Amino acid sequence: MSDHVPSAKLRMANDIVRQWAHLSAQERSVRLAQHVNSFWEPRMHVRFETQVAAAGDTCDPVIVEAVRLLVGP
């Protein structure tokens, strides 16, 4: 069992992605990236990217791909 506890931003991203479970993984990644770009402050982008990188293999690949698609702050 992992002791890794996701950050609030990772939990939020997971919650958002779950809302689109009916879509393909690629479409969920695109929509999450669009959501983050539209509604999150630039400093939230930076923290989110850092937290996803720190989560490594425990992070949902959909979220990892969304971070790759983000427009820089």
C-alpha atoms as a PDB file:
ATOM      1  CA  MET A   1       0.000   0.000   0.000  1.00  0.00           C
ATOM      2  CA  SER A   2       1.350   3.416  -0.956  1.00  0.00           C
ATOM      3  CA  ASP A   3       1.809   6.191   1.579  1.00  0.00           C
ATOM      4  CA  HIS A   4       1.496   8.746  -1.230  1.00  0.00           C
ATOM      5  CA  VAL A   5      -1.292  11.223  -0.549  1.00  0.00           C
ATOM      6  CA  PRO A   6      -2.182  13.329  -3.590  1.00  0.00           C
ATOM      7  CA  SER A   7      -2.091  17.091  -3.255  1.00  0.00           C
ATOM      8  CA  ALA A   8      -5.288  19.113  -3.380  1.00  0.00           C
ATOM      9  CA  LYS A   9      -4.588  20.050  -6.993  1.00  0.00           C
ATOM     10  CA  LEU A  10      -4.046  16.418  -7.997  1.00  0.00           C
ATOM     11  CA  ARG A  11      -7.247  15.408  -6.214  1.00  0.00           C
ATOM     12  CA  MET A  12      -9.074  18.201  -8.024  1.00  0.00           C
ATOM     13  CA  ALA A  13      -7.634  17.105 -11.375  1.00  0.00           C
ATOM     14  CA  ASN A  14      -8.662  13.500 -10.680  1.00  0.00           C
ATOM     15  CA  ASP A  15     -12.180  14.657  -9.799  1.00  0.00           C
ATOM     16  CA  ILE A  16     -12.409  16.695 -12.997  1.00  0.00           C
ATOM     17  CA  VAL A  17     -11.130  13.817 -15.145  1.00  0.00           C
ATOM     18  CA  ARG A  18     -13.641  11.414 -13.554  1.00  0.00           C
ATOM     19  CA  GLN A  19     -16.475  13.643 -14.798  1.00  0.00           C
ATOM     20  CA  TRP A  20     -15.402  12.787 -18.339  1.00  0.00           C
ATOM     21  CA  ALA A  21     -15.065   9.014 -17.866  1.00  0.00           C
ATOM     22  CA  HIS A  22     -17.217   8.455 -20.945  1.00  0.00           C
ATOM     23  CA  LEU A  23     -14.575  10.104 -23.170  1.00  0.00           C
ATOM     24  CA  SER A  24     -11.332   8.674 -24.514  1.00  0.00           C
ATOM     25  CA  ALA A  25      -8.166   9.183 -22.479  1.00  0.00           C
ATOM     26  CA  GLN A  26      -6.846  11.642 -25.072  1.00  0.00           C
ATOM     27  CA  GLU A  27     -10.035  13.726 -24.985  1.00  0.00           C
ATOM     28  CA  ARG A  28      -9.984  13.762 -21.163  1.00  0.00           C
ATOM     29  CA  SER A  29      -6.388  15.036 -21.271  1.00  0.00           C
ATOM     30  CA  VAL A  30      -7.287  17.762 -23.751  1.00  0.00           C
ATOM     31  CA  ARG A  31     -10.304  18.864 -21.726  1.00  0.00           C
ATOM     32  CA  LEU A  32      -8.359  18.935 -18.463  1.00  0.00           C
ATOM     33  CA  ALA A  33      -5.633  21.030 -20.078  1.00  0.00           C
ATOM     34  CA  GLN A  34      -8.290  23.400 -21.451  1.00  0.00           C
ATOM     35  CA  HIS A  35      -9.914  23.647 -18.022  1.00  0.00           C
ATOM     36  CA  VAL A  36      -6.632  24.381 -16.257  1.00  0.00           C
ATOM     37  CA  ASN A  37      -5.617  26.940 -18.896  1.00  0.00           C
ATOM     38  CA  SER A  38      -9.006  28.659 -18.636  1.00  0.00           C
ATOM     39  CA  PHE A  39      -9.650  28.674 -14.900  1.00  0.00           C
ATOM     40  CA  TRP A  40      -6.432  28.196 -12.923  1.00  0.00           C
ATOM     41  CA  GLU A  41      -4.007  31.012 -12.103  1.00  0.00           C
ATOM     42  CA  PRO A  42      -0.477  30.797 -13.543  1.00  0.00           C
ATOM     43  CA  ARG A  43       1.038  30.012 -10.123  1.00  0.00           C
ATOM     44  CA  MET A  44      -1.447  27.113  -9.821  1.00  0.00           C
ATOM     45  CA  HIS A  45      -0.138  25.790 -13.167  1.00  0.00           C
ATOM     46  CA  VAL A  46       3.400  25.765 -11.833  1.00  0.00           C
ATOM     47  CA  ARG A  47       2.442  23.998  -8.589  1.00  0.00           C
ATOM     48  CA  PHE A  48       0.293  21.508 -10.477  1.00  0.00           C
ATOM     49  CA  GLU A  49       3.099  20.678 -12.919  1.00  0.00           C
ATOM     50  CA  THR A  50       5.533  20.259 -10.015  1.00  0.00           C
ATOM     51  CA  GLN A  51       3.135  18.010  -8.110  1.00  0.00           C
ATOM     52  CA  VAL A  52       2.433  15.847 -11.146  1.00  0.00           C
ATOM     53  CA  ALA A  53       6.169  15.432 -11.742  1.00  0.00           C
ATOM     54  CA  ALA A  54       6.708  14.543  -8.078  1.00  0.00           C
ATOM     55  CA  ALA A  55       3.897  11.966  -8.175  1.00  0.00           C
ATOM     56  CA  GLY A  56       5.753  10.065 -10.875  1.00  0.00           C
ATOM     57  CA  ASP A  57       4.243   6.700 -11.772  1.00  0.00           C
ATOM     58  CA  THR A  58       1.439   7.096  -9.231  1.00  0.00           C
ATOM     59  CA  CYS A  59      -0.125   9.874 -11.303  1.00  0.00           C
ATOM     60  CA  ASP A  60      -2.925   9.098 -13.760  1.00  0.00           C
ATOM     61  CA  PRO A  61      -1.491   9.089 -17.320  1.00  0.00           C
ATOM     62  CA  VAL A  62      -4.439  11.264 -18.413  1.00  0.00           C
ATOM     63  CA  ILE A  63      -3.250  13.972 -16.007  1.00  0.00           C
ATOM     64  CA  VAL A  64       0.384  13.584 -17.075  1.00  0.00           C
ATOM     65  CA  GLU A  65      -0.669  14.103 -20.698  1.00  0.00           C
ATOM     66  CA  ALA A  66      -2.814  17.111 -19.750  1.00  0.00           C
ATOM     67  CA  VAL A  67       0.211  18.754 -18.099  1.00  0.00           C
ATOM     68  CA  ARG A  68       2.182  18.183 -21.289  1.00  0.00           C
ATOM     69  CA  LEU A  69      -0.586  20.016 -23.203  1.00  0.00           C
ATOM     70  CA  LEU A  70      -0.722  23.038 -20.878  1.00  0.00           C
ATOM     71  CA  VAL A  71       0.080  26.489 -22.171  1.00  0.00           C
ATOM     72  CA  GLY A  72       2.839  27.928 -20.003  1.00  0.00           C
ATOM     73  CA  PRO A  73       2.005  30.549 -17.394  1.00  0.00           C
END
